[in-house]
Structure formats: C-alpha cells, structure tokens
Amino acid sequence: MHKPLFVLLLLSWPAFLSAQSLPDWLKGHWKGRGYQTDVDTTWMYRVSWFSGQARPVIDYPLLKCSGHWAFRRKEKSRLVFQEVVTQNPGYCTNLDWIYVSPAGPDKLWLEFAHEDDPNTIIATAVLRRHSMP
C-alpha cells in the first residue's frame, strides 16, 4: 500500500468506526439535566443521533455551547466518547470524557470527566429519549 493512501485511510477510520459501530439504543433525540459536582451547578443537555449522521450531536441550550461526541471505545456496558465543543468552546469545556450507558429503554446515564483526569467523574446526567429515528 502506498504511504499517502495508508495515511488517508488511517485518518478516515475514526469517522467510519463511529458511524458503523454505535448501537441502536443510542439513536434518537435525548434531553435531560446534568449536575456538576465540582462547581455545584445544573444544566440542560441534549444529544441527537440519527441514521446517516456520522456522530452524535450535542447541545447545552442555556450555555449556548454545542458540538459532537467523538467515539473512542466500547467498554463492557458503556460507550466512551470525548466531547468536541465547536460553538462557544471558550465557555464550555472541550474534550471532556463522556461515559454513556443505557438506563432503560428510553433513558441514558451519562458520566463526565475532565480531559486530563478521565477517572474522576465530575458530573452526571440522566437523559430521556424524546423522539426515535
């Protein structure tokens, strides 16, 4: 394989992997409230992922931040993402770790950790599915 083609395939692999390997239970439009312990605050949170989208899209409506989840890996009972904030990244923390688990047929359990300390959970959220794909 030629080196430029290999590099191109390597760079495109994460996008292909994220679209192909996310489970059906994640599809839909989700809304809920999060609580962040390190600053003692709550916030609204939305996630949308439908067929044809490369990755889940996120929104903090009251904070005016949005972006997407970048898929990192699957673990036993959860998916691991990093949050990429593209709108208002100076106001919302970028590249935090997001751990996502199903919490019932129409509920998600989210845990958040800062980029530099992925093992310390600093926030949690429960989201409910408001629409299906």
N, C-alpha and C. Protein backbone atom coordinates (compact mmCIF):
# COMPACT_ATOMS: atom_id res chain seq x y z
N MET A 1 0.85 -1.17 0.00
CA MET A 1 0.00 0.00 0.00
C MET A 1 0.89 1.24 0.00
N HIS A 2 0.52 2.21 -0.79
CA HIS A 2 1.27 3.45 -0.85
C HIS A 2 1.05 4.26 0.43
N LYS A 3 2.06 4.94 0.85
CA LYS A 3 2.01 5.69 2.10
C LYS A 3 0.89 6.74 2.13
N PRO A 4 0.69 7.59 1.09
CA PRO A 4 -0.39 8.59 1.14
C PRO A 4 -1.77 7.93 1.27
N LEU A 5 -1.99 6.81 0.59
CA LEU A 5 -3.27 6.13 0.69
C LEU A 5 -3.47 5.57 2.10
N PHE A 6 -2.42 5.01 2.67
CA PHE A 6 -2.49 4.48 4.03
C PHE A 6 -2.83 5.59 5.02
N VAL A 7 -2.19 6.73 4.89
CA VAL A 7 -2.45 7.86 5.79
C VAL A 7 -3.90 8.32 5.64
N LEU A 8 -4.40 8.40 4.41
CA LEU A 8 -5.78 8.81 4.17
C LEU A 8 -6.74 7.82 4.82
N LEU A 9 -6.51 6.53 4.67
CA LEU A 9 -7.36 5.52 5.29
C LEU A 9 -7.30 5.60 6.81
N LEU A 10 -6.12 5.81 7.34
CA LEU A 10 -5.94 5.91 8.78
C LEU A 10 -6.70 7.12 9.34
N LEU A 11 -6.65 8.24 8.65
CA LEU A 11 -7.34 9.45 9.11
C LEU A 11 -8.85 9.32 9.01
N SER A 12 -9.35 8.56 8.04
CA SER A 12 -10.79 8.43 7.87
C SER A 12 -11.37 7.32 8.73
N TRP A 13 -10.56 6.46 9.30
CA TRP A 13 -11.05 5.32 10.07
C TRP A 13 -11.92 5.72 11.26
N PRO A 14 -11.56 6.71 12.11
CA PRO A 14 -12.42 7.02 13.26
C PRO A 14 -13.83 7.42 12.86
N ALA A 15 -14.01 8.19 11.80
CA ALA A 15 -15.36 8.59 11.36
C ALA A 15 -16.14 7.38 10.90
N PHE A 16 -15.51 6.47 10.17
CA PHE A 16 -16.18 5.26 9.72
C PHE A 16 -16.55 4.40 10.91
N LEU A 17 -15.62 4.24 11.83
CA LEU A 17 -15.86 3.42 13.01
C LEU A 17 -17.01 3.97 13.83
N SER A 18 -17.06 5.27 14.03
CA SER A 18 -18.10 5.84 14.87
C SER A 18 -19.48 5.65 14.27
N ALA A 19 -19.61 5.83 12.98
CA ALA A 19 -20.91 5.70 12.34
C ALA A 19 -21.35 4.24 12.28
N GLN A 20 -20.41 3.33 12.13
CA GLN A 20 -20.74 1.93 11.93
C GLN A 20 -20.94 1.16 13.23
N SER A 21 -20.33 1.56 14.32
CA SER A 21 -20.31 0.71 15.49
C SER A 21 -21.18 1.19 16.65
N LEU A 22 -21.83 2.32 16.53
CA LEU A 22 -22.68 2.78 17.62
C LEU A 22 -23.97 1.97 17.64
N PRO A 23 -24.40 1.54 18.82
CA PRO A 23 -25.58 0.68 18.91
C PRO A 23 -26.88 1.44 18.67
N ASP A 24 -27.91 0.69 18.30
CA ASP A 24 -29.22 1.28 18.03
C ASP A 24 -29.84 1.96 19.25
N TRP A 25 -29.50 1.48 20.47
CA TRP A 25 -30.12 2.08 21.66
C TRP A 25 -29.73 3.55 21.83
N LEU A 26 -28.68 4.00 21.12
CA LEU A 26 -28.26 5.40 21.24
C LEU A 26 -29.01 6.31 20.27
N LYS A 27 -29.68 5.73 19.28
CA LYS A 27 -30.36 6.55 18.28
C LYS A 27 -31.56 7.29 18.87
N GLY A 28 -31.74 8.52 18.40
CA GLY A 28 -32.88 9.32 18.83
C GLY A 28 -32.46 10.72 19.25
N HIS A 29 -33.45 11.44 19.76
CA HIS A 29 -33.22 12.78 20.30
C HIS A 29 -33.44 12.69 21.80
N TRP A 30 -32.42 13.04 22.57
CA TRP A 30 -32.40 12.88 24.02
C TRP A 30 -32.30 14.24 24.70
N LYS A 31 -33.01 14.39 25.83
CA LYS A 31 -32.95 15.63 26.61
C LYS A 31 -32.89 15.29 28.08
N GLY A 32 -32.22 16.15 28.84
CA GLY A 32 -32.19 15.95 30.27
C GLY A 32 -31.41 17.04 30.97
N ARG A 33 -31.16 16.80 32.25
CA ARG A 33 -30.47 17.75 33.09
C ARG A 33 -29.25 17.07 33.69
N GLY A 34 -28.15 17.81 33.72
CA GLY A 34 -26.93 17.30 34.33
C GLY A 34 -26.63 18.05 35.61
N TYR A 35 -25.83 17.42 36.44
CA TYR A 35 -25.38 18.06 37.67
C TYR A 35 -23.87 17.92 37.75
N GLN A 36 -23.19 19.03 37.94
CA GLN A 36 -21.73 19.05 38.00
C GLN A 36 -21.30 19.33 39.44
N THR A 37 -20.64 18.34 40.04
CA THR A 37 -20.30 18.42 41.46
C THR A 37 -19.17 19.40 41.75
N ASP A 38 -18.19 19.50 40.85
CA ASP A 38 -17.02 20.35 41.16
C ASP A 38 -17.33 21.84 41.15
N VAL A 39 -18.46 22.24 40.55
CA VAL A 39 -18.88 23.64 40.58
C VAL A 39 -20.31 23.80 41.10
N ASP A 40 -20.90 22.71 41.58
CA ASP A 40 -22.24 22.69 42.17
C ASP A 40 -23.27 23.42 41.31
N THR A 41 -23.46 22.92 40.10
CA THR A 41 -24.41 23.56 39.19
C THR A 41 -25.14 22.50 38.36
N THR A 42 -26.31 22.89 37.85
CA THR A 42 -27.06 22.02 36.95
C THR A 42 -27.18 22.71 35.60
N TRP A 43 -27.41 21.91 34.54
CA TRP A 43 -27.51 22.45 33.19
C TRP A 43 -28.36 21.51 32.35
N MET A 44 -28.97 22.09 31.33
CA MET A 44 -29.75 21.30 30.37
C MET A 44 -28.79 20.72 29.34
N TYR A 45 -29.12 19.52 28.83
CA TYR A 45 -28.24 18.84 27.89
C TYR A 45 -29.10 18.10 26.87
N ARG A 46 -28.69 18.16 25.61
CA ARG A 46 -29.40 17.44 24.53
C ARG A 46 -28.39 16.70 23.68
N VAL A 47 -28.80 15.52 23.23
CA VAL A 47 -27.99 14.71 22.32
C VAL A 47 -28.91 14.20 21.23
N SER A 48 -28.45 14.24 19.99
CA SER A 48 -29.20 13.69 18.86
C SER A 48 -28.29 12.82 18.02
N TRP A 49 -28.76 11.64 17.70
CA TRP A 49 -28.04 10.79 16.75
C TRP A 49 -29.06 9.99 15.96
N PHE A 50 -29.07 10.19 14.65
CA PHE A 50 -29.99 9.51 13.76
C PHE A 50 -29.21 8.83 12.66
N SER A 51 -29.83 7.87 12.01
CA SER A 51 -29.20 7.18 10.88
C SER A 51 -28.72 8.20 9.87
N GLY A 52 -27.54 7.98 9.36
CA GLY A 52 -26.96 8.89 8.38
C GLY A 52 -26.03 9.92 8.98
N GLN A 53 -26.12 10.14 10.29
CA GLN A 53 -25.20 11.07 10.95
C GLN A 53 -23.92 10.32 11.29
N ALA A 54 -22.79 10.96 11.11
CA ALA A 54 -21.51 10.33 11.41
C ALA A 54 -21.28 10.20 12.91
N ARG A 55 -21.85 11.11 13.68
CA ARG A 55 -21.61 11.09 15.13
C ARG A 55 -22.74 11.82 15.85
N PRO A 56 -22.92 11.52 17.14
CA PRO A 56 -23.95 12.21 17.91
C PRO A 56 -23.63 13.71 18.06
N VAL A 57 -24.66 14.53 17.95
CA VAL A 57 -24.56 15.98 18.07
C VAL A 57 -25.04 16.36 19.47
N ILE A 58 -24.33 17.29 20.12
CA ILE A 58 -24.69 17.69 21.49
C ILE A 58 -24.99 19.18 21.55
N ASP A 59 -25.76 19.54 22.59
CA ASP A 59 -26.15 20.94 22.76
C ASP A 59 -26.39 21.22 24.24
N TYR A 60 -25.80 22.32 24.72
CA TYR A 60 -26.10 22.87 26.03
C TYR A 60 -26.92 24.13 25.76
N PRO A 61 -28.26 24.03 25.68
CA PRO A 61 -29.05 25.18 25.21
C PRO A 61 -28.92 26.44 26.05
N LEU A 62 -28.84 26.34 27.35
CA LEU A 62 -28.75 27.54 28.18
C LEU A 62 -27.35 28.14 28.20
N LEU A 63 -26.35 27.32 27.93
CA LEU A 63 -24.96 27.79 27.92
C LEU A 63 -24.52 28.24 26.52
N LYS A 64 -25.36 27.99 25.53
CA LYS A 64 -25.08 28.37 24.14
C LYS A 64 -23.81 27.69 23.60
N CYS A 65 -23.61 26.43 24.02
CA CYS A 65 -22.49 25.62 23.52
C CYS A 65 -23.06 24.41 22.79
N SER A 66 -22.37 23.99 21.75
CA SER A 66 -22.78 22.79 21.03
C SER A 66 -21.56 22.17 20.36
N GLY A 67 -21.76 20.99 19.83
CA GLY A 67 -20.68 20.27 19.17
C GLY A 67 -21.08 18.84 18.89
N HIS A 68 -20.17 17.91 19.14
CA HIS A 68 -20.48 16.50 18.88
C HIS A 68 -19.64 15.60 19.80
N TRP A 69 -20.03 14.34 19.84
CA TRP A 69 -19.26 13.34 20.55
C TRP A 69 -18.35 12.63 19.57
N ALA A 70 -17.09 12.47 19.91
CA ALA A 70 -16.13 11.69 19.12
C ALA A 70 -15.99 10.33 19.80
N PHE A 71 -16.37 9.28 19.11
CA PHE A 71 -16.33 7.92 19.66
C PHE A 71 -14.88 7.51 19.93
N ARG A 72 -14.63 6.95 21.10
CA ARG A 72 -13.29 6.48 21.46
C ARG A 72 -13.22 4.97 21.60
N ARG A 73 -14.18 4.37 22.34
CA ARG A 73 -14.13 2.92 22.51
C ARG A 73 -15.42 2.42 23.16
N LYS A 74 -15.60 1.10 23.08
CA LYS A 74 -16.66 0.42 23.80
C LYS A 74 -16.04 -0.25 25.01
N GLU A 75 -16.75 -0.19 26.12
CA GLU A 75 -16.37 -0.95 27.30
C GLU A 75 -17.51 -1.93 27.58
N LYS A 76 -17.44 -2.67 28.64
CA LYS A 76 -18.43 -3.71 28.91
C LYS A 76 -19.87 -3.24 28.73
N SER A 77 -20.28 -2.26 29.49
CA SER A 77 -21.68 -1.84 29.45
C SER A 77 -21.84 -0.37 29.09
N ARG A 78 -20.80 0.22 28.53
CA ARG A 78 -20.91 1.64 28.19
C ARG A 78 -20.06 1.98 26.98
N LEU A 79 -20.37 3.15 26.42
CA LEU A 79 -19.60 3.71 25.32
C LEU A 79 -18.80 4.89 25.85
N VAL A 80 -17.62 5.10 25.30
CA VAL A 80 -16.75 6.18 25.75
C VAL A 80 -16.55 7.15 24.58
N PHE A 81 -16.82 8.42 24.84
CA PHE A 81 -16.67 9.49 23.85
C PHE A 81 -15.81 10.60 24.45
N GLN A 82 -15.35 11.49 23.58
CA GLN A 82 -14.86 12.78 24.02
C GLN A 82 -15.76 13.82 23.38
N GLU A 83 -16.09 14.84 24.16
CA GLU A 83 -16.99 15.89 23.71
C GLU A 83 -16.19 16.97 23.00
N VAL A 84 -16.53 17.24 21.75
CA VAL A 84 -15.85 18.26 20.97
C VAL A 84 -16.79 19.45 20.85
N VAL A 85 -16.49 20.52 21.55
CA VAL A 85 -17.33 21.73 21.55
C VAL A 85 -16.87 22.61 20.39
N THR A 86 -17.80 22.87 19.46
CA THR A 86 -17.47 23.68 18.28
C THR A 86 -18.11 25.07 18.32
N GLN A 87 -19.19 25.23 19.07
CA GLN A 87 -19.81 26.54 19.24
C GLN A 87 -19.57 27.00 20.67
N ASN A 88 -18.91 28.14 20.82
CA ASN A 88 -18.61 28.73 22.11
C ASN A 88 -17.64 27.87 22.93
N PRO A 89 -16.57 27.37 22.32
CA PRO A 89 -15.66 26.47 23.04
C PRO A 89 -14.92 27.13 24.20
N GLY A 90 -14.82 28.44 24.22
CA GLY A 90 -14.17 29.11 25.33
C GLY A 90 -15.02 29.15 26.59
N TYR A 91 -16.32 28.91 26.44
CA TYR A 91 -17.24 28.97 27.57
C TYR A 91 -17.50 27.60 28.17
N CYS A 92 -17.55 26.57 27.32
CA CYS A 92 -17.77 25.19 27.77
C CYS A 92 -16.46 24.41 27.62
N THR A 93 -16.24 23.49 28.52
CA THR A 93 -15.01 22.70 28.50
C THR A 93 -14.98 21.79 27.28
N ASN A 94 -13.87 21.78 26.58
CA ASN A 94 -13.70 20.98 25.38
C ASN A 94 -12.94 19.70 25.70
N LEU A 95 -13.27 18.64 25.01
CA LEU A 95 -12.61 17.34 25.08
C LEU A 95 -12.79 16.60 26.40
N ASP A 96 -13.85 16.93 27.15
CA ASP A 96 -14.17 16.14 28.34
C ASP A 96 -14.53 14.71 27.92
N TRP A 97 -14.32 13.78 28.82
CA TRP A 97 -14.70 12.39 28.60
C TRP A 97 -16.17 12.22 28.95
N ILE A 98 -16.90 11.47 28.11
CA ILE A 98 -18.31 11.19 28.34
C ILE A 98 -18.47 9.67 28.33
N TYR A 99 -19.02 9.14 29.40
CA TYR A 99 -19.28 7.70 29.53
C TYR A 99 -20.80 7.51 29.47
N VAL A 100 -21.27 6.75 28.48
CA VAL A 100 -22.70 6.64 28.20
C VAL A 100 -23.16 5.20 28.38
N SER A 101 -24.21 5.03 29.19
CA SER A 101 -24.78 3.70 29.42
C SER A 101 -26.29 3.76 29.25
N PRO A 102 -26.90 2.69 28.73
CA PRO A 102 -28.36 2.65 28.70
C PRO A 102 -28.87 2.50 30.13
N ALA A 103 -29.95 3.19 30.45
CA ALA A 103 -30.54 3.12 31.79
C ALA A 103 -32.01 2.72 31.71
N GLY A 104 -32.36 2.01 30.67
CA GLY A 104 -33.74 1.62 30.40
C GLY A 104 -34.01 1.84 28.93
N PRO A 105 -35.20 1.46 28.48
CA PRO A 105 -35.48 1.56 27.04
C PRO A 105 -35.44 2.98 26.49
N ASP A 106 -35.73 3.97 27.30
CA ASP A 106 -35.75 5.35 26.83
C ASP A 106 -34.99 6.29 27.75
N LYS A 107 -33.94 5.79 28.40
CA LYS A 107 -33.13 6.61 29.30
C LYS A 107 -31.65 6.31 29.09
N LEU A 108 -30.85 7.36 29.20
CA LEU A 108 -29.39 7.23 29.16
C LEU A 108 -28.81 7.76 30.46
N TRP A 109 -27.75 7.12 30.92
CA TRP A 109 -26.98 7.58 32.07
C TRP A 109 -25.65 8.07 31.53
N LEU A 110 -25.29 9.33 31.82
CA LEU A 110 -24.04 9.92 31.37
C LEU A 110 -23.18 10.28 32.56
N GLU A 111 -21.89 10.03 32.42
CA GLU A 111 -20.91 10.48 33.41
C GLU A 111 -19.85 11.28 32.66
N PHE A 112 -19.40 12.37 33.26
CA PHE A 112 -18.46 13.28 32.64
C PHE A 112 -17.18 13.36 33.48
N ALA A 113 -16.04 13.43 32.79
CA ALA A 113 -14.75 13.61 33.46
C ALA A 113 -13.94 14.58 32.62
N HIS A 114 -13.08 15.36 33.27
CA HIS A 114 -12.23 16.29 32.53
C HIS A 114 -11.19 15.53 31.70
N GLU A 115 -10.76 16.16 30.62
CA GLU A 115 -9.81 15.54 29.68
C GLU A 115 -8.56 15.03 30.39
N ASP A 116 -8.03 15.81 31.32
CA ASP A 116 -6.76 15.44 31.96
C ASP A 116 -6.93 14.49 33.15
N ASP A 117 -8.17 14.11 33.49
CA ASP A 117 -8.41 13.20 34.61
C ASP A 117 -9.61 12.31 34.30
N PRO A 118 -9.47 11.38 33.36
CA PRO A 118 -10.62 10.60 32.89
C PRO A 118 -11.22 9.65 33.93
N ASN A 119 -10.54 9.44 35.04
CA ASN A 119 -11.05 8.50 36.04
C ASN A 119 -11.83 9.18 37.16
N THR A 120 -11.89 10.50 37.17
CA THR A 120 -12.62 11.22 38.21
C THR A 120 -13.91 11.81 37.61
N ILE A 121 -15.04 11.27 38.00
CA ILE A 121 -16.33 11.74 37.49
C ILE A 121 -16.68 13.04 38.19
N ILE A 122 -16.92 14.09 37.39
CA ILE A 122 -17.22 15.41 37.95
C ILE A 122 -18.67 15.84 37.68
N ALA A 123 -19.38 15.06 36.84
CA ALA A 123 -20.77 15.41 36.54
C ALA A 123 -21.51 14.16 36.07
N THR A 124 -22.82 14.18 36.26
CA THR A 124 -23.68 13.10 35.78
C THR A 124 -24.93 13.71 35.15
N ALA A 125 -25.58 12.93 34.31
CA ALA A 125 -26.82 13.39 33.69
C ALA A 125 -27.69 12.18 33.38
N VAL A 126 -28.99 12.38 33.46
CA VAL A 126 -29.96 11.39 33.00
C VAL A 126 -30.72 12.03 31.86
N LEU A 127 -30.73 11.36 30.71
CA LEU A 127 -31.43 11.87 29.53
C LEU A 127 -32.59 10.93 29.18
N ARG A 128 -33.67 11.52 28.71
CA ARG A 128 -34.80 10.73 28.24
C ARG A 128 -34.95 10.92 26.73
N ARG A 129 -35.29 9.82 26.06
CA ARG A 129 -35.48 9.90 24.60
C ARG A 129 -36.81 10.59 24.32
N HIS A 130 -36.77 11.63 23.47
CA HIS A 130 -37.97 12.38 23.11
C HIS A 130 -38.46 12.06 21.70
N SER A 131 -37.62 11.47 20.89
CA SER A 131 -38.06 11.01 19.58
C SER A 131 -37.12 9.94 19.08
N MET A 132 -37.66 9.07 18.26
CA MET A 132 -36.90 7.98 17.66
C MET A 132 -36.45 8.39 16.26
N PRO A 133 -35.48 7.68 15.73
CA PRO A 133 -35.03 7.98 14.36
C PRO A 133 -36.12 7.72 13.34
